PDB file of all heavy atoms in Angstrom:
ATOM      1  N   ARG A   1      54.491  36.858 -98.487  1.00  0.00           N
ATOM      2  CA  ARG A   1      55.649  36.214 -99.187  1.00  0.00           C
ATOM      3  C   ARG A   1      56.720  35.834 -98.166  1.00  0.00           C
ATOM      4  O   ARG A   1      57.437  34.820 -98.470  1.00  0.00           O
ATOM      5  CB  ARG A   1      56.179  37.206-100.235  1.00  0.00           C
ATOM      6  CG  ARG A   1      55.224  37.442-101.357  1.00  0.00           C
ATOM      7  CD  ARG A   1      55.893  37.996-102.575  1.00  0.00           C
ATOM      8  NE  ARG A   1      56.810  37.041-103.167  1.00  0.00           N
ATOM      9  CZ  ARG A   1      56.483  36.078-104.126  1.00  0.00           C
ATOM     10  NH1 ARG A   1      55.174  36.010-104.417  1.00  0.00           N
ATOM     11  NH2 ARG A   1      57.359  35.269-104.594  1.00  0.00           N
ATOM     12  N   THR A   2      56.892  36.627 -97.105  1.00  0.00           N
ATOM     13  CA  THR A   2      57.941  36.140 -96.159  1.00  0.00           C
ATOM     14  C   THR A   2      57.612  34.805 -95.556  1.00  0.00           C
ATOM     15  O   THR A   2      58.442  33.967 -95.455  1.00  0.00           O
ATOM     16  CB  THR A   2      58.047  37.209 -95.002  1.00  0.00           C
ATOM     17  OG1 THR A   2      58.425  38.488 -95.586  1.00  0.00           O
ATOM     18  CG2 THR A   2      59.069  36.781 -94.031  1.00  0.00           C
ATOM     19  N   GLY A   3      56.279  34.634 -95.118  1.00  0.00           N
ATOM     20  CA  GLY A   3      55.895  33.321 -94.667  1.00  0.00           C
ATOM     21  C   GLY A   3      56.031  32.263 -95.702  1.00  0.00           C
ATOM     22  O   GLY A   3      56.379  31.128 -95.358  1.00  0.00           O
ATOM     23  N   TYR A   4      55.774  32.628 -96.941  1.00  0.00           N
ATOM     24  CA  TYR A   4      55.880  31.634 -98.024  1.00  0.00           C
ATOM     25  C   TYR A   4      57.318  31.058 -98.155  1.00  0.00           C
ATOM     26  O   TYR A   4      57.562  29.853 -98.277  1.00  0.00           O
ATOM     27  CB  TYR A   4      55.438  32.228 -99.348  1.00  0.00           C
ATOM     28  CG  TYR A   4      55.829  31.535-100.540  1.00  0.00           C
ATOM     29  CD1 TYR A   4      55.217  30.288-100.960  1.00  0.00           C
ATOM     30  CD2 TYR A   4      56.880  31.974-101.372  1.00  0.00           C
ATOM     31  CE1 TYR A   4      55.619  29.666-102.167  1.00  0.00           C
ATOM     32  CE2 TYR A   4      57.291  31.344-102.486  1.00  0.00           C
ATOM     33  CZ  TYR A   4      56.634  30.191-102.875  1.00  0.00           C
ATOM     34  OH  TYR A   4      57.061  29.522-103.998  1.00  0.00           O
ATOM     35  N   TYR A   5      58.258  32.073 -98.182  1.00  0.00           N
ATOM     36  CA  TYR A   5      59.621  31.650 -98.377  1.00  0.00           C
ATOM     37  C   TYR A   5      60.136  30.875 -97.237  1.00  0.00           C
ATOM     38  O   TYR A   5      60.960  29.935 -97.387  1.00  0.00           O
ATOM     39  CB  TYR A   5      60.485  32.915 -98.608  1.00  0.00           C
ATOM     40  CG  TYR A   5      60.404  33.441-100.023  1.00  0.00           C
ATOM     41  CD1 TYR A   5      59.900  34.732-100.237  1.00  0.00           C
ATOM     42  CD2 TYR A   5      60.743  32.703-101.127  1.00  0.00           C
ATOM     43  CE1 TYR A   5      59.732  35.274-101.506  1.00  0.00           C
ATOM     44  CE2 TYR A   5      60.642  33.195-102.442  1.00  0.00           C
ATOM     45  CZ  TYR A   5      60.090  34.492-102.611  1.00  0.00           C
ATOM     46  OH  TYR A   5      60.036  34.962-103.880  1.00  0.00           O
ATOM     47  N   ILE A   6      59.792  31.249 -95.996  1.00  0.00           N
ATOM     48  CA  ILE A   6      60.232  30.502 -94.794  1.00  0.00           C
ATOM     49  C   ILE A   6      59.698  29.060 -94.802  1.00  0.00           C
ATOM     50  O   ILE A   6      60.414  28.107 -94.614  1.00  0.00           O
ATOM     51  CB  ILE A   6      59.857  31.257 -93.520  1.00  0.00           C
ATOM     52  CG1 ILE A   6      60.610  32.577 -93.410  1.00  0.00           C
ATOM     53  CG2 ILE A   6      60.122  30.360 -92.279  1.00  0.00           C
ATOM     54  CD1 ILE A   6      60.224  33.419 -92.235  1.00  0.00           C
ATOM     55  N   ALA A   7      58.402  28.928 -94.992  1.00  0.00           N
ATOM     56  CA  ALA A   7      57.779  27.631 -95.009  1.00  0.00           C
ATOM     57  C   ALA A   7      58.256  26.730 -96.107  1.00  0.00           C
ATOM     58  O   ALA A   7      58.496  25.555 -95.918  1.00  0.00           O
ATOM     59  CB  ALA A   7      56.228  27.717 -94.989  1.00  0.00           C
ATOM     60  N   LEU A   8      58.326  27.335 -97.315  1.00  0.00           N
ATOM     61  CA  LEU A   8      58.757  26.558 -98.460  1.00  0.00           C
ATOM     62  C   LEU A   8      60.229  26.167 -98.334  1.00  0.00           C
ATOM     63  O   LEU A   8      60.593  25.045 -98.730  1.00  0.00           O
ATOM     64  CB  LEU A   8      58.551  27.329 -99.737  1.00  0.00           C
ATOM     65  CG  LEU A   8      58.740  26.532-101.020  1.00  0.00           C
ATOM     66  CD1 LEU A   8      57.633  25.529-101.236  1.00  0.00           C
ATOM     67  CD2 LEU A   8      58.870  27.398-102.309  1.00  0.00           C
ATOM     68  N   GLY A   9      61.053  27.067 -97.835  1.00  0.00           N
ATOM     69  CA  GLY A   9      62.457  26.761 -97.622  1.00  0.00           C
ATOM     70  C   GLY A   9      62.614  25.583 -96.679  1.00  0.00           C
ATOM     71  O   GLY A   9      63.464  24.677 -96.914  1.00  0.00           O
ATOM     72  N   TRP A  10      61.850  25.566 -95.536  1.00  0.00           N
ATOM     73  CA  TRP A  10      61.926  24.456 -94.649  1.00  0.00           C
ATOM     74  C   TRP A  10      61.464  23.139 -95.281  1.00  0.00           C
ATOM     75  O   TRP A  10      62.202  22.129 -95.171  1.00  0.00           O
ATOM     76  CB  TRP A  10      61.001  24.749 -93.459  1.00  0.00           C
ATOM     77  CG  TRP A  10      60.945  23.636 -92.455  1.00  0.00           C
ATOM     78  CD1 TRP A  10      60.101  22.584 -92.503  1.00  0.00           C
ATOM     79  CD2 TRP A  10      61.835  23.387 -91.329  1.00  0.00           C
ATOM     80  NE1 TRP A  10      60.387  21.614 -91.474  1.00  0.00           N
ATOM     81  CE2 TRP A  10      61.435  22.147 -90.756  1.00  0.00           C
ATOM     82  CE3 TRP A  10      62.818  24.120 -90.765  1.00  0.00           C
ATOM     83  CZ2 TRP A  10      62.013  21.680 -89.590  1.00  0.00           C
ATOM     84  CZ3 TRP A  10      63.455  23.563 -89.580  1.00  0.00           C
ATOM     85  CH2 TRP A  10      63.052  22.447 -89.073  1.00  0.00           C
ATOM     86  N   CYS A  11      60.384  23.207 -95.999  1.00  0.00           N
ATOM     87  CA  CYS A  11      59.876  22.025 -96.661  1.00  0.00           C
ATOM     88  C   CYS A  11      60.804  21.558 -97.767  1.00  0.00           C
ATOM     89  O   CYS A  11      60.907  20.310 -98.034  1.00  0.00           O
ATOM     90  CB  CYS A  11      58.464  22.287 -97.248  1.00  0.00           C
ATOM     91  SG  CYS A  11      57.199  22.559 -96.001  1.00  0.00           S
ATOM     92  N   CYS A  12      61.560  22.437 -98.471  1.00  0.00           N
ATOM     93  CA  CYS A  12      62.479  22.069 -99.456  1.00  0.00           C
ATOM     94  C   CYS A  12      63.653  21.285 -98.937  1.00  0.00           C
ATOM     95  O   CYS A  12      64.032  20.252 -99.403  1.00  0.00           O
ATOM     96  CB  CYS A  12      62.958  23.241-100.240  1.00  0.00           C
ATOM     97  SG  CYS A  12      61.795  24.037-101.422  1.00  0.00           S
ATOM     98  N   ILE A  13      64.133  21.810 -97.778  1.00  0.00           N
ATOM     99  CA  ILE A  13      65.227  21.107 -97.084  1.00  0.00           C
ATOM    100  C   ILE A  13      64.757  19.729 -96.603  1.00  0.00           C
ATOM    101  O   ILE A  13      65.473  18.728 -96.743  1.00  0.00           O
ATOM    102  CB  ILE A  13      65.743  21.944 -95.978  1.00  0.00           C
ATOM    103  CG1 ILE A  13      66.323  23.256 -96.477  1.00  0.00           C
ATOM    104  CG2 ILE A  13      66.798  21.187 -95.160  1.00  0.00           C
ATOM    105  CD1 ILE A  13      66.782  24.233 -95.377  1.00  0.00           C
ATOM    106  N   SER A  14      63.496  19.710 -96.131  1.00  0.00           N
ATOM    107  CA  SER A  14      63.030  18.457 -95.541  1.00  0.00           C
ATOM    108  C   SER A  14      62.806  17.412 -96.665  1.00  0.00           C
ATOM    109  O   SER A  14      63.176  16.212 -96.413  1.00  0.00           O
ATOM    110  CB  SER A  14      61.657  18.703 -94.871  1.00  0.00           C
ATOM    111  OG  SER A  14      61.830  19.608 -93.763  1.00  0.00           O
ATOM    112  N   ILE A  15      62.387  17.786 -97.831  1.00  0.00           N
ATOM    113  CA  ILE A  15      62.091  16.867 -98.871  1.00  0.00           C
ATOM    114  C   ILE A  15      63.422  16.303 -99.430  1.00  0.00           C
ATOM    115  O   ILE A  15      63.554  15.194 -99.831  1.00  0.00           O
ATOM    116  CB  ILE A  15      61.169  17.390 -99.993  1.00  0.00           C
ATOM    117  CG1 ILE A  15      60.671  16.276-100.867  1.00  0.00           C
ATOM    118  CG2 ILE A  15      61.954  18.392-100.844  1.00  0.00           C
ATOM    119  CD1 ILE A  15      59.705  15.369-100.186  1.00  0.00           C
ATOM    120  N   VAL A  16      64.503  17.224 -99.465  1.00  0.00           N
ATOM    121  CA  VAL A  16      65.785  16.795 -99.913  1.00  0.00           C
ATOM    122  C   VAL A  16      66.346  15.739 -99.010  1.00  0.00           C
ATOM    123  O   VAL A  16      66.833  14.677 -99.451  1.00  0.00           O
ATOM    124  CB  VAL A  16      66.728  17.974-100.013  1.00  0.00           C
ATOM    125  CG1 VAL A  16      68.157  17.459-100.217  1.00  0.00           C
ATOM    126  CG2 VAL A  16      66.351  18.883-101.194  1.00  0.00           C
ATOM    127  N   VAL A  17      66.249  16.021 -97.666  1.00  0.00           N
ATOM    128  CA  VAL A  17      66.702  14.987 -96.686  1.00  0.00           C
ATOM    129  C   VAL A  17      65.949  13.691 -96.795  1.00  0.00           C
ATOM    130  O   VAL A  17      66.484  12.584 -96.808  1.00  0.00           O
ATOM    131  CB  VAL A  17      66.601  15.569 -95.284  1.00  0.00           C
ATOM    132  CG1 VAL A  17      66.881  14.447 -94.222  1.00  0.00           C
ATOM    133  CG2 VAL A  17      67.510  16.796 -95.077  1.00  0.00           C
ATOM    134  N   PHE A  18      64.544  13.827 -96.934  1.00  0.00           N
ATOM    135  CA  PHE A  18      63.757  12.625 -97.063  1.00  0.00           C
ATOM    136  C   PHE A  18      64.142  11.795 -98.287  1.00  0.00           C
ATOM    137  O   PHE A  18      64.264  10.567 -98.196  1.00  0.00           O
ATOM    138  CB  PHE A  18      62.266  13.069 -97.058  1.00  0.00           C
ATOM    139  CG  PHE A  18      61.330  11.937 -97.419  1.00  0.00           C
ATOM    140  CD1 PHE A  18      60.881  11.131 -96.398  1.00  0.00           C
ATOM    141  CD2 PHE A  18      60.901  11.659 -98.695  1.00  0.00           C
ATOM    142  CE1 PHE A  18      59.985  10.079 -96.673  1.00  0.00           C
ATOM    143  CE2 PHE A  18      60.037  10.696 -99.010  1.00  0.00           C
ATOM    144  CZ  PHE A  18      59.481   9.824 -97.943  1.00  0.00           C
ATOM    145  N   MET A  19      64.290  12.423 -99.434  1.00  0.00           N
ATOM    146  CA  MET A  19      64.556  11.704-100.620  1.00  0.00           C
ATOM    147  C   MET A  19      65.918  11.019-100.599  1.00  0.00           C
ATOM    148  O   MET A  19      66.063   9.880-101.086  1.00  0.00           O
ATOM    149  CB  MET A  19      64.473  12.716-101.827  1.00  0.00           C
ATOM    150  CG  MET A  19      63.035  13.264-102.096  1.00  0.00           C
ATOM    151  SD  MET A  19      61.894  11.974-102.702  1.00  0.00           S
ATOM    152  CE  MET A  19      62.339  11.983-104.418  1.00  0.00           C
ATOM    153  N   ILE A  20      66.940  11.764-100.095  1.00  0.00           N
ATOM    154  CA  ILE A  20      68.257  11.150-100.039  1.00  0.00           C
ATOM    155  C   ILE A  20      68.275   9.958 -99.186  1.00  0.00           C
ATOM    156  O   ILE A  20      68.785   8.883 -99.527  1.00  0.00           O
ATOM    157  CB  ILE A  20      69.314  12.186 -99.534  1.00  0.00           C
ATOM    158  CG1 ILE A  20      69.485  13.262-100.658  1.00  0.00           C
ATOM    159  CG2 ILE A  20      70.610  11.545 -99.226  1.00  0.00           C
ATOM    160  CD1 ILE A  20      70.486  14.403-100.223  1.00  0.00           C
ATOM    161  N   ARG A  21      67.666  10.071 -97.960  1.00  0.00           N
ATOM    162  CA  ARG A  21      67.703   8.998 -97.032  1.00  0.00           C
ATOM    163  C   ARG A  21      66.849   7.759 -97.500  1.00  0.00           C
ATOM    164  O   ARG A  21      67.114   6.650 -97.119  1.00  0.00           O
ATOM    165  CB  ARG A  21      67.300   9.468 -95.655  1.00  0.00           C
ATOM    166  CG  ARG A  21      68.267  10.482 -95.045  1.00  0.00           C
ATOM    167  CD  ARG A  21      67.844  10.821 -93.643  1.00  0.00           C
ATOM    168  NE  ARG A  21      68.900  11.668 -92.994  1.00  0.00           N
ATOM    169  CZ  ARG A  21      68.730  12.211 -91.772  1.00  0.00           C
ATOM    170  NH1 ARG A  21      67.698  11.919 -91.038  1.00  0.00           N
ATOM    171  NH2 ARG A  21      69.674  12.980 -91.280  1.00  0.00           N
ATOM    172  N   THR A  22      65.856   8.105 -98.241  1.00  0.00           N
ATOM    173  CA  THR A  22      65.000   7.044 -98.727  1.00  0.00           C
ATOM    174  C   THR A  22      65.527   6.353 -99.984  1.00  0.00           C
ATOM    175  O   THR A  22      65.657   5.146-100.069  1.00  0.00           O
ATOM    176  CB  THR A  22      63.594   7.524 -99.098  1.00  0.00           C
ATOM    177  OG1 THR A  22      63.017   8.110 -97.872  1.00  0.00           O
ATOM    178  CG2 THR A  22      62.634   6.401 -99.534  1.00  0.00           C
ATOM    179  N   LEU A  23      65.941   7.139-100.960  1.00  0.00           N
ATOM    180  CA  LEU A  23      66.339   6.539-102.257  1.00  0.00           C
ATOM    181  C   LEU A  23      67.725   5.939-102.244  1.00  0.00           C
ATOM    182  O   LEU A  23      67.931   5.080-103.040  1.00  0.00           O
ATOM    183  CB  LEU A  23      66.260   7.691-103.273  1.00  0.00           C
ATOM    184  CG  LEU A  23      64.899   8.230-103.673  1.00  0.00           C
ATOM    185  CD1 LEU A  23      64.967   9.258-104.741  1.00  0.00           C
ATOM    186  CD2 LEU A  23      63.965   7.069-104.166  1.00  0.00           C
ATOM    187  N   ARG A  24      68.601   6.404-101.351  1.00  0.00           N
ATOM    188  CA  ARG A  24      69.910   5.805-101.306  1.00  0.00           C
ATOM    189  C   ARG A  24      69.877   4.341-100.971  1.00  0.00           C
ATOM    190  O   ARG A  24      70.703   3.547-101.426  1.00  0.00           O
ATOM    191  CB  ARG A  24      70.820   6.551-100.341  1.00  0.00           C
ATOM    192  CG  ARG A  24      70.467   6.412 -98.841  1.00  0.00           C
ATOM    193  CD  ARG A  24      71.401   7.243 -97.951  1.00  0.00           C
ATOM    194  NE  ARG A  24      71.000   7.056 -96.561  1.00  0.00           N
ATOM    195  CZ  ARG A  24      71.529   6.153 -95.795  1.00  0.00           C
ATOM    196  NH1 ARG A  24      72.391   5.304 -96.265  1.00  0.00           N
ATOM    197  NH2 ARG A  24      71.179   6.119 -94.518  1.00  0.00           N
ATOM    198  N   LEU A  25      68.854   3.944-100.170  1.00  0.00           N
ATOM    199  CA  LEU A  25      68.727   2.519 -99.876  1.00  0.00           C
ATOM    200  C   LEU A  25      68.238   1.717-101.044  1.00  0.00           C
ATOM    201  O   LEU A  25      68.521   0.493-101.132  1.00  0.00           O
ATOM    202  CB  LEU A  25      67.745   2.332 -98.688  1.00  0.00           C
ATOM    203  CG  LEU A  25      68.178   3.000 -97.335  1.00  0.00           C
ATOM    204  CD1 LEU A  25      67.070   2.826 -96.337  1.00  0.00           C
ATOM    205  CD2 LEU A  25      69.476   2.364 -96.862  1.00  0.00           C
ATOM    206  N   LYS A  26      67.552   2.424-101.933  1.00  0.00           N
ATOM    207  CA  LYS A  26      67.009   1.707-103.131  1.00  0.00           C
ATOM    208  C   LYS A  26      68.069   1.713-104.267  1.00  0.00           C
ATOM    209  O   LYS A  26      68.310   0.716-104.924  1.00  0.00           O
ATOM    210  CB  LYS A  26      65.747   2.406-103.601  1.00  0.00           C
ATOM    211  CG  LYS A  26      64.569   2.385-102.628  1.00  0.00           C
ATOM    212  CD  LYS A  26      64.045   1.016-102.475  1.00  0.00           C
ATOM    213  CE  LYS A  26      62.802   0.962-101.623  1.00  0.00           C
ATOM    214  NZ  LYS A  26      62.154  -0.367-101.509  1.00  0.00           N
ATOM    215  N   ILE A  27      68.582   2.869-104.525  1.00  0.00           N
ATOM    216  CA  ILE A  27      69.556   3.066-105.681  1.00  0.00           C
ATOM    217  C   ILE A  27      70.858   2.363-105.410  1.00  0.00           C
ATOM    218  O   ILE A  27      71.563   1.887-106.343  1.00  0.00           O
ATOM    219  CB  ILE A  27      69.698   4.536-106.057  1.00  0.00           C
ATOM    220  CG1 ILE A  27      68.316   5.071-106.527  1.00  0.00           C
ATOM    221  CG2 ILE A  27      70.732   4.745-107.116  1.00  0.00           C
ATOM    222  CD1 ILE A  27      68.360   6.574-106.885  1.00  0.00           C
TER     223      ILE A  27
END
C-alpha cells in the first residue's frame, strides 16, 4: 500500500498538471 500511495500520488499530481496545461488552451 505504501508503494501504491506514492505512485498514485505522483500520477495524480501529474494528471492534474497535464489536464490544466492542456485544457486551458482549449477552454
